[in-house]
Amino acid sequence: MAVLSLSAAAAGAESVIPWDSAVDHAGRRITVEGLVVQARRVGSSTVLEFAPDDPAAFTVKLFQPIFRREPSHPETYYRGKLIRATGVVKQFQGRPEMIIRNAKQIAVVTDAPPQPEPPDGHAVDAPTAAAVTATVPPTNPPVVERFGAADRARCATARTEWRKLHPKMQQALGSMQECLRQERAQCGTEIDGLYAALADFDAAQAKLDEACEGQ
């Protein structure tokens, strides 16, 4: 199961950044770690919140089509779990976020520790993100690398491949819109075509993000 593989999400990552430090790495591809306190569906995406009471806190957004098979309900699957996510930190409406377009970009480190039984019938506070994260060994700070001519060429190549997929994406969207316009009861062929186009486009987008990181 791809979404459960920690090594897949952390592959190539030299360090792990606490979620509340992600804003300091805007524009870079990093691996963040944090306890998901709240998860909610927003349209075709799922938003993972580490500090739901803070409207300016970092969030991780999952692109829903990548979870077509499993987990089928990421908004419940990831809630209460310590996760690591790898991607580019971007600012959106003044809030730092990371978009997950591939299931290999996210992994569960562990579930939240079980809560002890209340001795006198009173509720026990849920563990905090800091308490869970404290069990993970500290990592070295990230190393900032400068890009040379070869890196710029790799970025340009990735951008060209990404642009080549635009017509395929537009065609798939057009077919889906036409099916909806005709109010047909079955749009299975169009849905499959759209998912295939999205998968190719997402893969190209992930390669573009990685190749052009920091440029």
C-alpha atoms as a PDB file:
ATOM      1  CA  MET A   1       0.000   0.000   0.000  1.00  0.00           C
ATOM      2  CA  ALA A   2       1.753   3.143  -1.206  1.00  0.00           C
ATOM      3  CA  VAL A   3       0.264   5.533   1.330  1.00  0.00           C
ATOM      4  CA  LEU A   4       1.658   3.503   4.234  1.00  0.00           C
ATOM      5  CA  SER A   5       5.249   3.429   3.039  1.00  0.00           C
ATOM      6  CA  LEU A   6       7.390   5.817   5.063  1.00  0.00           C
ATOM      7  CA  SER A   7      10.429   5.181   2.913  1.00  0.00           C
ATOM      8  CA  ALA A   8       8.527   6.208  -0.208  1.00  0.00           C
ATOM      9  CA  ALA A   9       7.515   9.571   1.210  1.00  0.00           C
ATOM     10  CA  ALA A  10      10.897  10.300   2.714  1.00  0.00           C
ATOM     11  CA  ALA A  11      12.987   9.056  -0.202  1.00  0.00           C
ATOM     12  CA  GLY A  12      15.678  11.510  -1.067  1.00  0.00           C
ATOM     13  CA  ALA A  13      14.897  13.725   1.910  1.00  0.00           C
ATOM     14  CA  GLU A  14      18.013  14.667   3.869  1.00  0.00           C
ATOM     15  CA  SER A  15      16.098  16.111   6.803  1.00  0.00           C
ATOM     16  CA  VAL A  16      12.638  16.375   8.309  1.00  0.00           C
ATOM     17  CA  ILE A  17      11.198  19.772   9.209  1.00  0.00           C
ATOM     18  CA  PRO A  18       8.593  20.289  11.968  1.00  0.00           C
ATOM     19  CA  TRP A  19       5.331  21.475  10.436  1.00  0.00           C
ATOM     20  CA  ASP A  20       5.440  24.805  12.286  1.00  0.00           C
ATOM     21  CA  SER A  21       8.796  25.638  10.666  1.00  0.00           C
ATOM     22  CA  ALA A  22       7.584  24.967   7.101  1.00  0.00           C
ATOM     23  CA  VAL A  23       6.873  28.664   6.505  1.00  0.00           C
ATOM     24  CA  ASP A  24      10.617  29.334   6.795  1.00  0.00           C
ATOM     25  CA  HIS A  25      11.215  27.114   3.738  1.00  0.00           C
ATOM     26  CA  ALA A  26       8.721  28.643   1.283  1.00  0.00           C
ATOM     27  CA  GLY A  27       9.622  27.852  -2.312  1.00  0.00           C
ATOM     28  CA  ARG A  28      11.679  24.779  -1.394  1.00  0.00           C
ATOM     29  CA  ARG A  29      10.910  21.078  -1.617  1.00  0.00           C
ATOM     30  CA  ILE A  30      11.135  19.647   1.917  1.00  0.00           C
ATOM     31  CA  THR A  31       9.763  16.882   4.113  1.00  0.00           C
ATOM     32  CA  VAL A  32       7.594  18.061   6.983  1.00  0.00           C
ATOM     33  CA  GLU A  33       6.342  16.125   9.984  1.00  0.00           C
ATOM     34  CA  GLY A  34       3.411  16.767  12.275  1.00  0.00           C
ATOM     35  CA  LEU A  35       0.400  15.388  14.096  1.00  0.00           C
ATOM     36  CA  VAL A  36      -2.828  15.797  12.114  1.00  0.00           C
ATOM     37  CA  VAL A  37      -5.261  17.353  14.573  1.00  0.00           C
ATOM     38  CA  GLN A  38      -8.062  17.928  12.087  1.00  0.00           C
ATOM     39  CA  ALA A  39      -8.792  16.782   8.519  1.00  0.00           C
ATOM     40  CA  ARG A  40     -11.621  17.992   6.337  1.00  0.00           C
ATOM     41  CA  ARG A  41     -12.888  17.718   2.785  1.00  0.00           C
ATOM     42  CA  VAL A  42     -12.895  20.892   0.686  1.00  0.00           C
ATOM     43  CA  GLY A  43     -14.339  20.214  -2.745  1.00  0.00           C
ATOM     44  CA  SER A  44     -12.175  17.561  -4.401  1.00  0.00           C
ATOM     45  CA  SER A  45      -9.353  17.966  -1.886  1.00  0.00           C
ATOM     46  CA  THR A  46      -8.644  17.041   1.726  1.00  0.00           C
ATOM     47  CA  VAL A  47      -7.004  19.591   4.026  1.00  0.00           C
ATOM     48  CA  LEU A  48      -4.838  18.302   6.889  1.00  0.00           C
ATOM     49  CA  GLU A  49      -4.618  20.761   9.788  1.00  0.00           C
ATOM     50  CA  PHE A  50      -1.924  20.738  12.466  1.00  0.00           C
ATOM     51  CA  ALA A  51      -3.242  23.802  14.303  1.00  0.00           C
ATOM     52  CA  PRO A  52      -6.898  24.234  13.258  1.00  0.00           C
ATOM     53  CA  ASP A  53      -7.391  27.206  15.601  1.00  0.00           C
ATOM     54  CA  ASP A  54      -4.678  29.210  13.808  1.00  0.00           C
ATOM     55  CA  PRO A  55      -5.906  30.604  10.459  1.00  0.00           C
ATOM     56  CA  ALA A  56      -2.306  31.335   9.398  1.00  0.00           C
ATOM     57  CA  ALA A  57      -0.864  27.901  10.239  1.00  0.00           C
ATOM     58  CA  PHE A  58       0.715  25.576   7.667  1.00  0.00           C
ATOM     59  CA  THR A  59      -1.558  22.985   6.045  1.00  0.00           C
ATOM     60  CA  VAL A  60      -1.153  19.982   3.770  1.00  0.00           C
ATOM     61  CA  LYS A  61      -3.670  19.594   0.945  1.00  0.00           C
ATOM     62  CA  LEU A  62      -4.287  16.235  -0.677  1.00  0.00           C
ATOM     63  CA  PHE A  63      -5.402  16.174  -4.290  1.00  0.00           C
ATOM     64  CA  GLN A  64      -8.369  13.799  -4.030  1.00  0.00           C
ATOM     65  CA  PRO A  65      -8.053  11.838  -7.329  1.00  0.00           C
ATOM     66  CA  ILE A  66      -4.783  10.257  -6.134  1.00  0.00           C
ATOM     67  CA  PHE A  67      -6.781   8.499  -3.421  1.00  0.00           C
ATOM     68  CA  ARG A  68      -9.340   6.975  -5.751  1.00  0.00           C
ATOM     69  CA  ARG A  69      -8.501   3.510  -4.453  1.00  0.00           C
ATOM     70  CA  GLU A  70      -7.189   3.793  -0.894  1.00  0.00           C
ATOM     71  CA  PRO A  71      -7.498   5.220   1.598  1.00  0.00           C
ATOM     72  CA  SER A  72     -10.997   5.985   0.362  1.00  0.00           C
ATOM     73  CA  HIS A  73     -11.614   8.493   3.162  1.00  0.00           C
ATOM     74  CA  PRO A  74      -8.326  10.331   3.835  1.00  0.00           C
ATOM     75  CA  GLU A  75     -10.139  12.885   6.001  1.00  0.00           C
ATOM     76  CA  THR A  76     -10.666  10.139   8.604  1.00  0.00           C
ATOM     77  CA  TYR A  77      -7.628   7.980   7.801  1.00  0.00           C
ATOM     78  CA  TYR A  78      -5.016  10.666   8.568  1.00  0.00           C
ATOM     79  CA  ARG A  79      -6.757  12.323  11.517  1.00  0.00           C
ATOM     80  CA  GLY A  80      -4.870  11.710  14.772  1.00  0.00           C
ATOM     81  CA  LYS A  81      -1.799  10.316  13.012  1.00  0.00           C
ATOM     82  CA  LEU A  82       1.771  11.573  12.904  1.00  0.00           C
ATOM     83  CA  ILE A  83       2.594  12.011   9.212  1.00  0.00           C
ATOM     84  CA  ARG A  84       5.453  13.046   6.964  1.00  0.00           C
ATOM     85  CA  ALA A  85       4.754  14.825   3.698  1.00  0.00           C
ATOM     86  CA  THR A  86       7.203  15.791   0.968  1.00  0.00           C
ATOM     87  CA  GLY A  87       6.635  18.638  -1.456  1.00  0.00           C
ATOM     88  CA  VAL A  88       7.137  22.319  -2.205  1.00  0.00           C
ATOM     89  CA  VAL A  89       5.963  24.827   0.403  1.00  0.00           C
ATOM     90  CA  LYS A  90       3.963  27.613  -1.203  1.00  0.00           C
ATOM     91  CA  GLN A  91       2.059  30.640   0.033  1.00  0.00           C
ATOM     92  CA  PHE A  92      -1.662  30.818  -0.764  1.00  0.00           C
ATOM     93  CA  GLN A  93      -3.643  33.828   0.431  1.00  0.00           C
ATOM     94  CA  GLY A  94      -1.017  34.510   3.066  1.00  0.00           C
ATOM     95  CA  ARG A  95      -0.974  30.953   4.397  1.00  0.00           C
ATOM     96  CA  PRO A  96       1.810  28.395   3.845  1.00  0.00           C
ATOM     97  CA  GLU A  97       0.699  25.092   2.358  1.00  0.00           C
ATOM     98  CA  MET A  98       1.944  21.980   0.608  1.00  0.00           C
ATOM     99  CA  ILE A  99       0.022  20.319  -2.211  1.00  0.00           C
ATOM    100  CA  ILE A 100       0.226  16.522  -2.348  1.00  0.00           C
ATOM    101  CA  ARG A 101      -0.319  15.221  -5.865  1.00  0.00           C
ATOM    102  CA  ASN A 102       1.093  11.725  -5.474  1.00  0.00           C
ATOM    103  CA  ALA A 103       0.360   9.138  -2.773  1.00  0.00           C
ATOM    104  CA  LYS A 104       4.109   8.504  -2.486  1.00  0.00           C
ATOM    105  CA  GLN A 105       4.536  12.032  -1.110  1.00  0.00           C
ATOM    106  CA  ILE A 106       2.801  11.258   2.193  1.00  0.00           C
ATOM    107  CA  ALA A 107       3.270   8.557   4.811  1.00  0.00           C
ATOM    108  CA  VAL A 108       2.098   7.748   8.302  1.00  0.00           C
ATOM    109  CA  VAL A 109       4.895   7.650  10.873  1.00  0.00           C
ATOM    110  CA  THR A 110       2.699   6.397  13.710  1.00  0.00           C
ATOM    111  CA  ASP A 111      -0.728   6.690  15.251  1.00  0.00           C
ATOM    112  CA  ALA A 112      -1.153   9.046  18.166  1.00  0.00           C
ATOM    113  CA  PRO A 113      -0.260   7.354  21.482  1.00  0.00           C
ATOM    114  CA  PRO A 114      -3.259   5.693  23.194  1.00  0.00           C
ATOM    115  CA  GLN A 115      -4.869   7.799  25.880  1.00  0.00           C
ATOM    116  CA  PRO A 116      -4.798   6.474  29.443  1.00  0.00           C
ATOM    117  CA  GLU A 117      -8.035   5.479  31.117  1.00  0.00           C
ATOM    118  CA  PRO A 118      -9.350   8.364  33.269  1.00  0.00           C
ATOM    119  CA  PRO A 119      -9.028   7.305  36.928  1.00  0.00           C
ATOM    120  CA  ASP A 120     -11.997   9.300  38.173  1.00  0.00           C
ATOM    121  CA  GLY A 121     -14.282   9.500  35.180  1.00  0.00           C
ATOM    122  CA  HIS A 122     -12.892  12.792  33.926  1.00  0.00           C
ATOM    123  CA  ALA A 123     -11.790  13.208  30.344  1.00  0.00           C
ATOM    124  CA  VAL A 124      -8.086  13.089  29.553  1.00  0.00           C
ATOM    125  CA  ASP A 125      -6.658  15.728  27.233  1.00  0.00           C
ATOM    126  CA  ALA A 126      -5.587  14.469  23.803  1.00  0.00           C
ATOM    127  CA  PRO A 127      -1.814  14.308  23.220  1.00  0.00           C
ATOM    128  CA  THR A 128      -0.349  17.400  21.649  1.00  0.00           C
ATOM    129  CA  ALA A 129       1.662  17.463  18.438  1.00  0.00           C
ATOM    130  CA  ALA A 130       4.756  18.430  20.454  1.00  0.00           C
ATOM    131  CA  ALA A 131       4.379  15.407  22.713  1.00  0.00           C
ATOM    132  CA  VAL A 132       4.210  13.008  19.775  1.00  0.00           C
ATOM    133  CA  THR A 133       6.942  14.669  17.758  1.00  0.00           C
ATOM    134  CA  ALA A 134       9.275  14.552  20.745  1.00  0.00           C
ATOM    135  CA  THR A 135       9.583  10.787  20.314  1.00  0.00           C
ATOM    136  CA  VAL A 136      11.168  11.197  16.873  1.00  0.00           C
ATOM    137  CA  PRO A 137      14.972  11.641  16.841  1.00  0.00           C
ATOM    138  CA  PRO A 138      16.126  15.138  15.820  1.00  0.00           C
ATOM    139  CA  THR A 139      17.473  15.598  12.336  1.00  0.00           C
ATOM    140  CA  ASN A 140      20.130  17.777  10.792  1.00  0.00           C
ATOM    141  CA  PRO A 141      19.141  21.178   9.352  1.00  0.00           C
ATOM    142  CA  PRO A 142      18.518  21.289   5.585  1.00  0.00           C
ATOM    143  CA  VAL A 143      21.365  22.099   3.230  1.00  0.00           C
ATOM    144  CA  VAL A 144      20.649  24.841   0.714  1.00  0.00           C
ATOM    145  CA  GLU A 145      22.102  24.054  -2.684  1.00  0.00           C
ATOM    146  CA  ARG A 146      22.787  26.517  -5.462  1.00  0.00           C
ATOM    147  CA  PHE A 147      21.653  25.677  -8.985  1.00  0.00           C
ATOM    148  CA  GLY A 148      24.001  25.632 -11.936  1.00  0.00           C
ATOM    149  CA  ALA A 149      23.542  25.377 -15.695  1.00  0.00           C
ATOM    150  CA  ALA A 150      22.731  21.645 -15.562  1.00  0.00           C
ATOM    151  CA  ASP A 151      20.012  22.247 -12.980  1.00  0.00           C
ATOM    152  CA  ARG A 152      18.482  25.053 -15.018  1.00  0.00           C
ATOM    153  CA  ALA A 153      18.482  22.806 -18.076  1.00  0.00           C
ATOM    154  CA  ARG A 154      16.757  20.046 -16.085  1.00  0.00           C
ATOM    155  CA  CYS A 155      14.127  22.546 -14.978  1.00  0.00           C
ATOM    156  CA  ALA A 156      13.565  23.706 -18.563  1.00  0.00           C
ATOM    157  CA  THR A 157      13.170  20.098 -19.753  1.00  0.00           C
ATOM    158  CA  ALA A 158      10.667  19.321 -17.024  1.00  0.00           C
ATOM    159  CA  ARG A 159       8.687  22.436 -17.887  1.00  0.00           C
ATOM    160  CA  THR A 160       8.602  21.448 -21.570  1.00  0.00           C
ATOM    161  CA  GLU A 161       7.295  17.966 -20.721  1.00  0.00           C
ATOM    162  CA  TRP A 162       4.675  19.534 -18.428  1.00  0.00           C
ATOM    163  CA  ARG A 163       3.490  21.854 -21.192  1.00  0.00           C
ATOM    164  CA  LYS A 164       3.201  18.960 -23.661  1.00  0.00           C
ATOM    165  CA  LEU A 165       0.437  17.506 -21.479  1.00  0.00           C
ATOM    166  CA  HIS A 166      -1.728  20.631 -21.634  1.00  0.00           C
ATOM    167  CA  PRO A 167      -3.605  19.575 -24.810  1.00  0.00           C
ATOM    168  CA  LYS A 168      -4.325  16.112 -23.376  1.00  0.00           C
ATOM    169  CA  MET A 169      -5.632  17.670 -20.173  1.00  0.00           C
ATOM    170  CA  GLN A 170      -7.782  20.169 -22.059  1.00  0.00           C
ATOM    171  CA  GLN A 171      -9.202  17.408 -24.273  1.00  0.00           C
ATOM    172  CA  ALA A 172     -10.119  15.270 -21.258  1.00  0.00           C
ATOM    173  CA  LEU A 173     -11.753  18.223 -19.536  1.00  0.00           C
ATOM    174  CA  GLY A 174     -13.627  19.099 -22.706  1.00  0.00           C
ATOM    175  CA  SER A 175     -14.981  15.551 -23.058  1.00  0.00           C
ATOM    176  CA  MET A 176     -16.145  15.577 -19.445  1.00  0.00           C
ATOM    177  CA  GLN A 177     -17.813  18.964 -19.838  1.00  0.00           C
ATOM    178  CA  GLU A 178     -19.589  17.785 -22.995  1.00  0.00           C
ATOM    179  CA  CYS A 179     -20.905  14.711 -21.177  1.00  0.00           C
ATOM    180  CA  LEU A 180     -22.227  16.917 -18.378  1.00  0.00           C
ATOM    181  CA  ARG A 181     -23.729  19.376 -20.863  1.00  0.00           C
ATOM    182  CA  GLN A 182     -25.664  16.555 -22.497  1.00  0.00           C
ATOM    183  CA  GLU A 183     -26.780  15.369 -19.023  1.00  0.00           C
ATOM    184  CA  ARG A 184     -25.912  11.799 -19.906  1.00  0.00           C
ATOM    185  CA  ALA A 185     -26.506   9.250 -17.153  1.00  0.00           C
ATOM    186  CA  GLN A 186     -23.218   7.440 -17.832  1.00  0.00           C
ATOM    187  CA  CYS A 187     -19.903   9.251 -18.272  1.00  0.00           C
ATOM    188  CA  GLY A 188     -17.619   6.339 -17.406  1.00  0.00           C
ATOM    189  CA  THR A 189     -15.399   6.670 -20.458  1.00  0.00           C
ATOM    190  CA  GLU A 190     -14.971  10.388 -19.907  1.00  0.00           C
ATOM    191  CA  ILE A 191     -14.235   9.895 -16.192  1.00  0.00           C
ATOM    192  CA  ASP A 192     -11.585   7.272 -16.929  1.00  0.00           C
ATOM    193  CA  GLY A 193     -10.021   9.552 -19.526  1.00  0.00           C
ATOM    194  CA  LEU A 194      -9.983  12.462 -17.081  1.00  0.00           C
ATOM    195  CA  TYR A 195      -8.382  10.373 -14.330  1.00  0.00           C
ATOM    196  CA  ALA A 196      -5.694   9.149 -16.742  1.00  0.00           C
ATOM    197  CA  ALA A 197      -4.961  12.691 -17.885  1.00  0.00           C
ATOM    198  CA  LEU A 198      -4.845  13.904 -14.267  1.00  0.00           C
ATOM    199  CA  ALA A 199      -2.428  11.137 -13.295  1.00  0.00           C
ATOM    200  CA  ASP A 200      -0.042  12.030 -16.127  1.00  0.00           C
ATOM    201  CA  PHE A 201      -0.375  15.742 -15.415  1.00  0.00           C
ATOM    202  CA  ASP A 202       0.226  15.258 -11.679  1.00  0.00           C
ATOM    203  CA  ALA A 203       3.347  13.178 -12.342  1.00  0.00           C
ATOM    204  CA  ALA A 204       4.684  15.876 -14.664  1.00  0.00           C
ATOM    205  CA  GLN A 205       3.821  18.577 -12.124  1.00  0.00           C
ATOM    206  CA  ALA A 206       5.686  16.714  -9.361  1.00  0.00           C
ATOM    207  CA  LYS A 207       8.757  16.366 -11.610  1.00  0.00           C
ATOM    208  CA  LEU A 208       8.536  20.059 -12.468  1.00  0.00           C
ATOM    209  CA  ASP A 209       8.337  21.045  -8.787  1.00  0.00           C
ATOM    210  CA  GLU A 210      11.355  18.889  -7.980  1.00  0.00           C
ATOM    211  CA  ALA A 211      13.441  19.972 -10.974  1.00  0.00           C
ATOM    212  CA  CYS A 212      12.728  23.689 -10.530  1.00  0.00           C
ATOM    213  CA  GLU A 213      12.891  23.847  -6.760  1.00  0.00           C
ATOM    214  CA  GLY A 214      14.321  27.191  -5.669  1.00  0.00           C
ATOM    215  CA  GLN A 215      14.535  28.566  -9.222  1.00  0.00           C
END
